[in-house]
Amino acid sequence: MKLKIAYSPCPNDTFVFDAWAHGRVPDAPRLDVTFADIDVTNGWAEGGTDPHDVLKVSYAVLPWILDEYALLPCGGALGRGCGPLVLTRDAATGADLAGRTVAVPSERSTAYLLFRLWAAETVPGGVGEVVVMPFHEIMPAVRDGKVDAGLVIHEARFTYKNYGLHCLADMGEHWESTTGLPIPLGAIVARRSLGAETLRLLAASARASVRMAWDDPEASRPYVLEHAQEMDPKVADQHIGLYVNEFTADLGEHGYAAVRGLLTRAAAEGLVPPLGPDALRFP
């Protein structure tokens, strides 16, 4: 069996999937890997015509795709102190974003969903135009005045000061302070048509790959740096340390509570369709 999988070239994904992608996980299906930005994989999953069996997507897109895809209980990104940031060129308050242009990495991203929940409380009248662009283009766009603010993810948390930018708000900090829950970011989903037995094998393979990466971090280093888009190795290590954690190995009770909490709250605000009672159940 060889399955088609798509995930990002970001260090957390390449770290997690290195052992599996290179055939070092015993009894795991072989993988045919495609690298794609989260906005692309979200679109593939929602469009329903994607040829991939397994995808890394935003938790925010789940309400639109769970009829066709099952959420794997491992392999994704969920944690604490790792939320998206709203950046500006100048120090400002949330209210200053009223009517302003904001760049976001995807309108279906968890980052944007968290931003919308935050903005509903702190930006009277709402923001102005929302522009979608690849996440690595957002900080230069804010720096150069092409947009008024940018919603950033991933390693931008460690590098935004290099662009002379200011952190207006931390979406994860807002989420954690108002809910007490960890922050759901990226999920691993697989086609339900693969069948329960294969889905369980995929989850076991992802979990084993994570644990092998933890046991021997140096083994994944060439794969991580090859795809890290010229990222400083120290930043790549920080990225992995923040986004690959106990929830990556197993969502567990608190992880599932965070996912349900986010999507239930968003549905109450009319931002996403409501989830069915068994939507997150894994075979």
C-alpha atoms as a PDB file:
ATOM      1  CA  MET A   1       0.000   0.000   0.000  1.00  0.00           C
ATOM      2  CA  LYS A   2       1.242   3.485  -0.889  1.00  0.00           C
ATOM      3  CA  LEU A   3      -0.805   6.446   0.291  1.00  0.00           C
ATOM      4  CA  LYS A   4      -0.721  10.015  -0.977  1.00  0.00           C
ATOM      5  CA  ILE A   5      -0.173  12.556   1.794  1.00  0.00           C
ATOM      6  CA  ALA A   6       0.157  16.345   1.757  1.00  0.00           C
ATOM      7  CA  TYR A   7       1.644  18.455   4.538  1.00  0.00           C
ATOM      8  CA  SER A   8       3.608  21.670   4.831  1.00  0.00           C
ATOM      9  CA  PRO A   9       7.407  22.036   4.545  1.00  0.00           C
ATOM     10  CA  CYS A  10       7.417  23.614   8.028  1.00  0.00           C
ATOM     11  CA  PRO A  11       9.805  22.085  10.597  1.00  0.00           C
ATOM     12  CA  ASN A  12       7.071  20.643  12.815  1.00  0.00           C
ATOM     13  CA  ASP A  13       5.555  18.646   9.940  1.00  0.00           C
ATOM     14  CA  THR A  14       8.842  17.407   8.496  1.00  0.00           C
ATOM     15  CA  PHE A  15      10.024  16.488  12.013  1.00  0.00           C
ATOM     16  CA  VAL A  16       6.821  14.557  12.736  1.00  0.00           C
ATOM     17  CA  PHE A  17       6.685  12.686   9.422  1.00  0.00           C
ATOM     18  CA  ASP A  18      10.404  12.135   8.738  1.00  0.00           C
ATOM     19  CA  ALA A  19      10.621   8.557  10.023  1.00  0.00           C
ATOM     20  CA  TRP A  20       7.393   7.521   8.308  1.00  0.00           C
ATOM     21  CA  ALA A  21       8.165   9.266   5.013  1.00  0.00           C
ATOM     22  CA  HIS A  22      11.561   7.551   4.860  1.00  0.00           C
ATOM     23  CA  GLY A  23      10.317   4.036   5.607  1.00  0.00           C
ATOM     24  CA  ARG A  24      11.657   3.743   9.154  1.00  0.00           C
ATOM     25  CA  VAL A  25       8.306   3.068  10.861  1.00  0.00           C
ATOM     26  CA  PRO A  26       7.715  -0.696  10.978  1.00  0.00           C
ATOM     27  CA  ASP A  27       4.547  -1.909   9.222  1.00  0.00           C
ATOM     28  CA  ALA A  28       3.503   1.627   8.226  1.00  0.00           C
ATOM     29  CA  PRO A  29       2.056   2.229   4.754  1.00  0.00           C
ATOM     30  CA  ARG A  30       4.487   3.805   2.305  1.00  0.00           C
ATOM     31  CA  LEU A  31       3.909   7.496   1.641  1.00  0.00           C
ATOM     32  CA  ASP A  32       3.907   9.571  -1.533  1.00  0.00           C
ATOM     33  CA  VAL A  33       4.502  13.069  -0.114  1.00  0.00           C
ATOM     34  CA  THR A  34       3.362  16.414  -1.521  1.00  0.00           C
ATOM     35  CA  PHE A  35       4.421  19.658   0.166  1.00  0.00           C
ATOM     36  CA  ALA A  36       1.776  22.384   0.181  1.00  0.00           C
ATOM     37  CA  ASP A  37       0.843  25.502   2.115  1.00  0.00           C
ATOM     38  CA  ILE A  38      -2.039  25.106   4.585  1.00  0.00           C
ATOM     39  CA  ASP A  39      -4.304  27.314   2.488  1.00  0.00           C
ATOM     40  CA  VAL A  40      -3.811  24.901  -0.411  1.00  0.00           C
ATOM     41  CA  THR A  41      -4.495  21.751   1.619  1.00  0.00           C
ATOM     42  CA  ASN A  42      -7.573  23.354   3.187  1.00  0.00           C
ATOM     43  CA  GLY A  43      -8.887  24.050  -0.297  1.00  0.00           C
ATOM     44  CA  TRP A  44      -8.125  20.534  -1.471  1.00  0.00           C
ATOM     45  CA  ALA A  45      -9.987  19.014   1.467  1.00  0.00           C
ATOM     46  CA  GLU A  46     -12.992  21.275   1.127  1.00  0.00           C
ATOM     47  CA  GLY A  47     -13.164  20.983  -2.647  1.00  0.00           C
ATOM     48  CA  GLY A  48     -13.721  17.241  -2.457  1.00  0.00           C
ATOM     49  CA  THR A  49     -11.687  16.457  -5.577  1.00  0.00           C
ATOM     50  CA  ASP A  50      -8.259  16.097  -3.963  1.00  0.00           C
ATOM     51  CA  PRO A  51      -6.391  12.850  -4.777  1.00  0.00           C
ATOM     52  CA  HIS A  52      -4.581  12.714  -1.422  1.00  0.00           C
ATOM     53  CA  ASP A  53      -5.507  10.122   1.193  1.00  0.00           C
ATOM     54  CA  VAL A  54      -4.078  12.068   4.147  1.00  0.00           C
ATOM     55  CA  LEU A  55      -3.870  15.841   4.624  1.00  0.00           C
ATOM     56  CA  LYS A  56      -2.595  18.384   7.120  1.00  0.00           C
ATOM     57  CA  VAL A  57      -5.363  20.979   7.412  1.00  0.00           C
ATOM     58  CA  SER A  58      -6.523  23.708   9.764  1.00  0.00           C
ATOM     59  CA  TYR A  59      -8.838  22.654  12.583  1.00  0.00           C
ATOM     60  CA  ALA A  60     -11.087  25.494  11.435  1.00  0.00           C
ATOM     61  CA  VAL A  61     -11.904  23.677   8.178  1.00  0.00           C
ATOM     62  CA  LEU A  62     -13.147  20.502   9.904  1.00  0.00           C
ATOM     63  CA  PRO A  63     -16.863  21.432   9.966  1.00  0.00           C
ATOM     64  CA  TRP A  64     -16.853  21.445   6.151  1.00  0.00           C
ATOM     65  CA  ILE A  65     -14.972  18.177   5.581  1.00  0.00           C
ATOM     66  CA  LEU A  66     -15.759  15.678   8.343  1.00  0.00           C
ATOM     67  CA  ASP A  67     -18.315  13.807   6.262  1.00  0.00           C
ATOM     68  CA  GLU A  68     -15.475  12.699   3.972  1.00  0.00           C
ATOM     69  CA  TYR A  69     -12.446  12.860   6.282  1.00  0.00           C
ATOM     70  CA  ALA A  70     -11.768  11.510   9.768  1.00  0.00           C
ATOM     71  CA  LEU A  71      -9.689  13.461  12.277  1.00  0.00           C
ATOM     72  CA  LEU A  72      -6.649  11.452  13.360  1.00  0.00           C
ATOM     73  CA  PRO A  73      -5.987  11.689  17.109  1.00  0.00           C
ATOM     74  CA  CYS A  74      -2.306  12.464  16.579  1.00  0.00           C
ATOM     75  CA  GLY A  75       0.257  14.082  14.266  1.00  0.00           C
ATOM     76  CA  GLY A  76      -1.141  17.621  14.315  1.00  0.00           C
ATOM     77  CA  ALA A  77      -0.312  20.900  16.034  1.00  0.00           C
ATOM     78  CA  LEU A  78      -2.084  21.899  19.230  1.00  0.00           C
ATOM     79  CA  GLY A  79      -0.549  23.377  22.350  1.00  0.00           C
ATOM     80  CA  ARG A  80      -0.055  26.285  24.698  1.00  0.00           C
ATOM     81  CA  GLY A  81       1.822  29.521  24.139  1.00  0.00           C
ATOM     82  CA  CYS A  82       1.864  28.869  20.393  1.00  0.00           C
ATOM     83  CA  GLY A  83      -0.962  30.974  19.030  1.00  0.00           C
ATOM     84  CA  PRO A  84      -1.016  33.258  15.987  1.00  0.00           C
ATOM     85  CA  LEU A  85       0.041  36.898  16.402  1.00  0.00           C
ATOM     86  CA  VAL A  86      -1.387  40.128  14.991  1.00  0.00           C
ATOM     87  CA  LEU A  87       1.518  42.340  13.880  1.00  0.00           C
ATOM     88  CA  THR A  88       1.668  46.032  12.941  1.00  0.00           C
ATOM     89  CA  ARG A  89       4.404  48.473  11.939  1.00  0.00           C
ATOM     90  CA  ASP A  90       3.636  50.717  14.903  1.00  0.00           C
ATOM     91  CA  ALA A  91       2.477  50.071  18.430  1.00  0.00           C
ATOM     92  CA  ALA A  92      -1.301  50.266  18.434  1.00  0.00           C
ATOM     93  CA  THR A  93      -4.448  49.084  20.169  1.00  0.00           C
ATOM     94  CA  GLY A  94      -6.931  46.567  18.873  1.00  0.00           C
ATOM     95  CA  ALA A  95      -9.469  49.317  18.221  1.00  0.00           C
ATOM     96  CA  ASP A  96      -7.008  50.906  15.759  1.00  0.00           C
ATOM     97  CA  LEU A  97      -7.672  48.015  13.336  1.00  0.00           C
ATOM     98  CA  ALA A  98     -11.226  49.227  12.710  1.00  0.00           C
ATOM     99  CA  GLY A  99     -11.666  49.469   8.937  1.00  0.00           C
ATOM    100  CA  ARG A 100      -8.039  48.510   8.296  1.00  0.00           C
ATOM    101  CA  THR A 101      -6.573  45.989   5.844  1.00  0.00           C
ATOM    102  CA  VAL A 102      -5.314  42.773   7.444  1.00  0.00           C
ATOM    103  CA  ALA A 103      -3.309  40.020   5.744  1.00  0.00           C
ATOM    104  CA  VAL A 104      -4.131  36.454   6.820  1.00  0.00           C
ATOM    105  CA  PRO A 105      -2.668  33.073   5.773  1.00  0.00           C
ATOM    106  CA  SER A 106      -6.050  31.526   4.912  1.00  0.00           C
ATOM    107  CA  GLU A 107      -9.691  32.387   5.398  1.00  0.00           C
ATOM    108  CA  ARG A 108     -10.270  28.807   6.510  1.00  0.00           C
ATOM    109  CA  SER A 109      -7.263  28.749   8.871  1.00  0.00           C
ATOM    110  CA  THR A 110      -7.574  28.291  12.613  1.00  0.00           C
ATOM    111  CA  ALA A 111      -5.500  31.454  12.930  1.00  0.00           C
ATOM    112  CA  TYR A 112      -8.162  33.448  11.096  1.00  0.00           C
ATOM    113  CA  LEU A 113     -10.952  31.859  13.134  1.00  0.00           C
ATOM    114  CA  LEU A 114      -9.183  32.813  16.378  1.00  0.00           C
ATOM    115  CA  PHE A 115      -8.629  36.290  14.941  1.00  0.00           C
ATOM    116  CA  ARG A 116     -12.323  36.686  14.149  1.00  0.00           C
ATOM    117  CA  LEU A 117     -13.305  35.653  17.673  1.00  0.00           C
ATOM    118  CA  TRP A 118     -10.778  38.148  19.101  1.00  0.00           C
ATOM    119  CA  ALA A 119     -11.766  40.976  16.740  1.00  0.00           C
ATOM    120  CA  ALA A 120     -15.442  40.549  17.601  1.00  0.00           C
ATOM    121  CA  GLU A 121     -14.552  41.553  21.170  1.00  0.00           C
ATOM    122  CA  THR A 122     -11.848  44.177  20.594  1.00  0.00           C
ATOM    123  CA  VAL A 123     -12.386  45.893  17.225  1.00  0.00           C
ATOM    124  CA  PRO A 124     -15.555  48.019  17.266  1.00  0.00           C
ATOM    125  CA  GLY A 125     -17.172  47.982  13.840  1.00  0.00           C
ATOM    126  CA  GLY A 126     -14.839  45.245  12.656  1.00  0.00           C
ATOM    127  CA  VAL A 127     -11.728  45.262  10.496  1.00  0.00           C
ATOM    128  CA  GLY A 128     -11.794  46.340   6.858  1.00  0.00           C
ATOM    129  CA  GLU A 129     -10.470  44.292   3.964  1.00  0.00           C
ATOM    130  CA  VAL A 130      -8.968  40.865   4.610  1.00  0.00           C
ATOM    131  CA  VAL A 131      -6.239  39.807   2.157  1.00  0.00           C
ATOM    132  CA  VAL A 132      -5.104  36.179   1.900  1.00  0.00           C
ATOM    133  CA  MET A 133      -1.412  35.629   1.169  1.00  0.00           C
ATOM    134  CA  PRO A 134       1.194  32.911   1.867  1.00  0.00           C
ATOM    135  CA  PHE A 135       2.309  33.253   5.476  1.00  0.00           C
ATOM    136  CA  HIS A 136       5.961  33.958   4.555  1.00  0.00           C
ATOM    137  CA  GLU A 137       4.863  37.056   2.583  1.00  0.00           C
ATOM    138  CA  ILE A 138       2.846  38.612   5.403  1.00  0.00           C
ATOM    139  CA  MET A 139       5.593  40.194   7.508  1.00  0.00           C
ATOM    140  CA  PRO A 140       7.292  41.888   4.533  1.00  0.00           C
ATOM    141  CA  ALA A 141       3.883  43.204   3.455  1.00  0.00           C
ATOM    142  CA  VAL A 142       3.266  44.739   6.887  1.00  0.00           C
ATOM    143  CA  ARG A 143       6.797  46.151   7.026  1.00  0.00           C
ATOM    144  CA  ASP A 144       6.444  47.715   3.583  1.00  0.00           C
ATOM    145  CA  GLY A 145       3.050  49.247   4.313  1.00  0.00           C
ATOM    146  CA  LYS A 146       1.154  47.138   1.787  1.00  0.00           C
ATOM    147  CA  VAL A 147      -1.266  46.120   4.544  1.00  0.00           C
ATOM    148  CA  ASP A 148      -2.048  47.675   7.926  1.00  0.00           C
ATOM    149  CA  ALA A 149      -1.622  44.497   9.935  1.00  0.00           C
ATOM    150  CA  GLY A 150      -0.779  40.849   9.485  1.00  0.00           C
ATOM    151  CA  LEU A 151      -1.910  37.653  11.146  1.00  0.00           C
ATOM    152  CA  VAL A 152       1.145  35.409  11.365  1.00  0.00           C
ATOM    153  CA  ILE A 153       1.784  31.811  12.320  1.00  0.00           C
ATOM    154  CA  HIS A 154       4.670  29.366  12.683  1.00  0.00           C
ATOM    155  CA  GLU A 155       8.192  30.700  13.191  1.00  0.00           C
ATOM    156  CA  ALA A 156       7.106  34.329  12.736  1.00  0.00           C
ATOM    157  CA  ARG A 157       6.627  34.278  16.505  1.00  0.00           C
ATOM    158  CA  PHE A 158      10.416  34.139  16.806  1.00  0.00           C
ATOM    159  CA  THR A 159      11.384  36.440  13.942  1.00  0.00           C
ATOM    160  CA  TYR A 160       8.893  39.320  13.665  1.00  0.00           C
ATOM    161  CA  LYS A 161      11.161  41.743  15.545  1.00  0.00           C
ATOM    162  CA  ASN A 162      13.733  41.296  12.782  1.00  0.00           C
ATOM    163  CA  TYR A 163      11.237  43.103  10.523  1.00  0.00           C
ATOM    164  CA  GLY A 164      10.821  45.968  12.976  1.00  0.00           C
ATOM    165  CA  LEU A 165       7.236  44.937  13.715  1.00  0.00           C
ATOM    166  CA  HIS A 166       5.163  45.117  16.884  1.00  0.00           C
ATOM    167  CA  CYS A 167       2.893  42.451  18.332  1.00  0.00           C
ATOM    168  CA  LEU A 168      -0.551  43.970  18.685  1.00  0.00           C
ATOM    169  CA  ALA A 169      -2.165  40.853  20.147  1.00  0.00           C
ATOM    170  CA  ASP A 170      -1.525  37.161  20.730  1.00  0.00           C
ATOM    171  CA  MET A 171      -4.523  35.126  19.585  1.00  0.00           C
ATOM    172  CA  GLY A 172      -3.428  32.095  21.571  1.00  0.00           C
ATOM    173  CA  GLU A 173      -3.022  34.119  24.751  1.00  0.00           C
ATOM    174  CA  HIS A 174      -6.532  35.498  24.276  1.00  0.00           C
ATOM    175  CA  TRP A 175      -7.923  32.000  23.638  1.00  0.00           C
ATOM    176  CA  GLU A 176      -6.184  30.447  26.642  1.00  0.00           C
ATOM    177  CA  SER A 177      -7.133  33.275  29.008  1.00  0.00           C
ATOM    178  CA  THR A 178     -10.814  33.115  28.045  1.00  0.00           C
ATOM    179  CA  THR A 179     -11.192  29.319  27.857  1.00  0.00           C
ATOM    180  CA  GLY A 180      -8.335  27.714  29.790  1.00  0.00           C
ATOM    181  CA  LEU A 181      -7.921  25.327  26.872  1.00  0.00           C
ATOM    182  CA  PRO A 182      -4.888  24.643  24.652  1.00  0.00           C
ATOM    183  CA  ILE A 183      -4.851  26.136  21.144  1.00  0.00           C
ATOM    184  CA  PRO A 184      -5.935  23.921  18.211  1.00  0.00           C
ATOM    185  CA  LEU A 185      -3.976  24.817  15.078  1.00  0.00           C
ATOM    186  CA  GLY A 186      -3.318  22.093  12.496  1.00  0.00           C
ATOM    187  CA  ALA A 187      -4.997  18.694  12.183  1.00  0.00           C
ATOM    188  CA  ILE A 188      -4.200  15.471  10.347  1.00  0.00           C
ATOM    189  CA  VAL A 189      -7.181  14.016   8.496  1.00  0.00           C
ATOM    190  CA  ALA A 190      -7.614  10.918   6.344  1.00  0.00           C
ATOM    191  CA  ARG A 191     -10.336   9.752   3.989  1.00  0.00           C
ATOM    192  CA  ARG A 192     -13.039   7.747   5.739  1.00  0.00           C
ATOM    193  CA  SER A 193     -13.298   5.581   2.616  1.00  0.00           C
ATOM    194  CA  LEU A 194      -9.960   3.998   3.568  1.00  0.00           C
ATOM    195  CA  GLY A 195     -11.840   2.026   6.224  1.00  0.00           C
ATOM    196  CA  ALA A 196     -11.516   1.783   9.992  1.00  0.00           C
ATOM    197  CA  GLU A 197      -8.630  -0.681   9.967  1.00  0.00           C
ATOM    198  CA  THR A 198      -6.471   1.505   7.701  1.00  0.00           C
ATOM    199  CA  LEU A 199      -7.373   4.641   9.661  1.00  0.00           C
ATOM    200  CA  ARG A 200      -6.200   2.990  12.875  1.00  0.00           C
ATOM    201  CA  LEU A 201      -2.983   1.925  11.123  1.00  0.00           C
ATOM    202  CA  LEU A 202      -2.425   5.528   9.976  1.00  0.00           C
ATOM    203  CA  ALA A 203      -2.854   6.839  13.500  1.00  0.00           C
ATOM    204  CA  ALA A 204      -0.463   4.229  14.891  1.00  0.00           C
ATOM    205  CA  SER A 205       2.079   5.071  12.175  1.00  0.00           C
ATOM    206  CA  ALA A 206       1.890   8.808  12.847  1.00  0.00           C
ATOM    207  CA  ARG A 207       2.255   8.265  16.578  1.00  0.00           C
ATOM    208  CA  ALA A 208       5.249   5.970  16.064  1.00  0.00           C
ATOM    209  CA  SER A 209       6.870   8.512  13.716  1.00  0.00           C
ATOM    210  CA  VAL A 210       6.517  11.268  16.330  1.00  0.00           C
ATOM    211  CA  ARG A 211       8.057   9.132  19.038  1.00  0.00           C
ATOM    212  CA  MET A 212      10.932   8.049  16.801  1.00  0.00           C
ATOM    213  CA  ALA A 213      11.650  11.720  16.060  1.00  0.00           C
ATOM    214  CA  TRP A 214      11.770  12.476  19.777  1.00  0.00           C
ATOM    215  CA  ASP A 215      14.015   9.473  20.449  1.00  0.00           C
ATOM    216  CA  ASP A 216      16.541  10.523  17.790  1.00  0.00           C
ATOM    217  CA  PRO A 217      16.071  14.215  16.819  1.00  0.00           C
ATOM    218  CA  GLU A 218      19.246  14.272  14.719  1.00  0.00           C
ATOM    219  CA  ALA A 219      17.844  11.645  12.351  1.00  0.00           C
ATOM    220  CA  SER A 220      15.207  14.101  11.105  1.00  0.00           C
ATOM    221  CA  ARG A 221      17.508  17.114  10.895  1.00  0.00           C
ATOM    222  CA  PRO A 222      18.500  16.799   7.190  1.00  0.00           C
ATOM    223  CA  TYR A 223      14.843  16.466   6.148  1.00  0.00           C
ATOM    224  CA  VAL A 224      13.795  19.396   8.352  1.00  0.00           C
ATOM    225  CA  LEU A 225      16.493  21.762   7.103  1.00  0.00           C
ATOM    226  CA  GLU A 226      16.112  20.693   3.462  1.00  0.00           C
ATOM    227  CA  HIS A 227      12.553  22.009   3.461  1.00  0.00           C
ATOM    228  CA  ALA A 228      12.830  24.832   6.007  1.00  0.00           C
ATOM    229  CA  GLN A 229      13.112  27.577   3.362  1.00  0.00           C
ATOM    230  CA  GLU A 230      16.539  28.811   4.479  1.00  0.00           C
ATOM    231  CA  MET A 231      15.366  29.066   8.074  1.00  0.00           C
ATOM    232  CA  ASP A 232      18.005  29.516  10.770  1.00  0.00           C
ATOM    233  CA  PRO A 233      18.530  26.056  12.341  1.00  0.00           C
ATOM    234  CA  LYS A 234      18.030  27.549  15.805  1.00  0.00           C
ATOM    235  CA  VAL A 235      14.668  28.956  14.748  1.00  0.00           C
ATOM    236  CA  ALA A 236      13.741  25.569  13.285  1.00  0.00           C
ATOM    237  CA  ASP A 237      14.542  23.948  16.637  1.00  0.00           C
ATOM    238  CA  GLN A 238      12.402  26.533  18.462  1.00  0.00           C
ATOM    239  CA  HIS A 239       9.604  25.892  15.997  1.00  0.00           C
ATOM    240  CA  ILE A 240       9.713  22.144  16.634  1.00  0.00           C
ATOM    241  CA  GLY A 241       9.958  22.590  20.383  1.00  0.00           C
ATOM    242  CA  LEU A 242       6.834  24.749  20.430  1.00  0.00           C
ATOM    243  CA  TYR A 243       4.558  22.926  18.000  1.00  0.00           C
ATOM    244  CA  VAL A 244       5.498  19.269  18.562  1.00  0.00           C
ATOM    245  CA  ASN A 245       4.356  18.272  22.049  1.00  0.00           C
ATOM    246  CA  GLU A 246       2.285  15.734  23.955  1.00  0.00           C
ATOM    247  CA  PHE A 247      -0.814  16.630  21.916  1.00  0.00           C
ATOM    248  CA  THR A 248       1.060  15.665  18.740  1.00  0.00           C
ATOM    249  CA  ALA A 249       1.416  12.127  20.064  1.00  0.00           C
ATOM    250  CA  ASP A 250      -2.166  11.993  21.328  1.00  0.00           C
ATOM    251  CA  LEU A 251      -4.873  14.649  21.460  1.00  0.00           C
ATOM    252  CA  GLY A 252      -6.230  13.132  24.632  1.00  0.00           C
ATOM    253  CA  GLU A 253      -9.111  14.519  26.685  1.00  0.00           C
ATOM    254  CA  HIS A 254      -7.821  18.108  26.789  1.00  0.00           C
ATOM    255  CA  GLY A 255      -6.973  18.166  23.105  1.00  0.00           C
ATOM    256  CA  TYR A 256     -10.411  17.017  22.036  1.00  0.00           C
ATOM    257  CA  ALA A 257     -11.984  19.472  24.485  1.00  0.00           C
ATOM    258  CA  ALA A 258     -10.021  22.285  22.829  1.00  0.00           C
ATOM    259  CA  VAL A 259     -11.128  21.283  19.337  1.00  0.00           C
ATOM    260  CA  ARG A 260     -14.759  20.957  20.368  1.00  0.00           C
ATOM    261  CA  GLY A 261     -14.546  24.211  22.327  1.00  0.00           C
ATOM    262  CA  LEU A 262     -13.188  26.186  19.380  1.00  0.00           C
ATOM    263  CA  LEU A 263     -15.641  24.832  16.822  1.00  0.00           C
ATOM    264  CA  THR A 264     -18.638  25.038  19.164  1.00  0.00           C
ATOM    265  CA  ARG A 265     -17.851  28.644  20.047  1.00  0.00           C
ATOM    266  CA  ALA A 266     -17.292  29.517  16.384  1.00  0.00           C
ATOM    267  CA  ALA A 267     -20.583  27.847  15.407  1.00  0.00           C
ATOM    268  CA  ALA A 268     -22.410  29.855  18.087  1.00  0.00           C
ATOM    269  CA  GLU A 269     -21.040  33.023  16.450  1.00  0.00           C
ATOM    270  CA  GLY A 270     -22.193  31.819  13.033  1.00  0.00           C
ATOM    271  CA  LEU A 271     -18.631  31.459  11.726  1.00  0.00           C
ATOM    272  CA  VAL A 272     -18.712  27.717  10.957  1.00  0.00           C
ATOM    273  CA  PRO A 273     -21.422  25.053  10.552  1.00  0.00           C
ATOM    274  CA  PRO A 274     -22.268  23.180  13.781  1.00  0.00           C
ATOM    275  CA  LEU A 275     -20.627  19.810  14.377  1.00  0.00           C
ATOM    276  CA  GLY A 276     -22.642  16.645  14.680  1.00  0.00           C
ATOM    277  CA  PRO A 277     -22.381  14.763  18.007  1.00  0.00           C
ATOM    278  CA  ASP A 278     -20.085  12.081  16.560  1.00  0.00           C
ATOM    279  CA  ALA A 279     -18.172  14.227  14.057  1.00  0.00           C
ATOM    280  CA  LEU A 280     -14.833  13.927  15.884  1.00  0.00           C
ATOM    281  CA  ARG A 281     -15.179  10.248  16.776  1.00  0.00           C
ATOM    282  CA  PHE A 282     -12.263   8.175  15.532  1.00  0.00           C
ATOM    283  CA  PRO A 283     -12.778   4.570  14.427  1.00  0.00           C
END
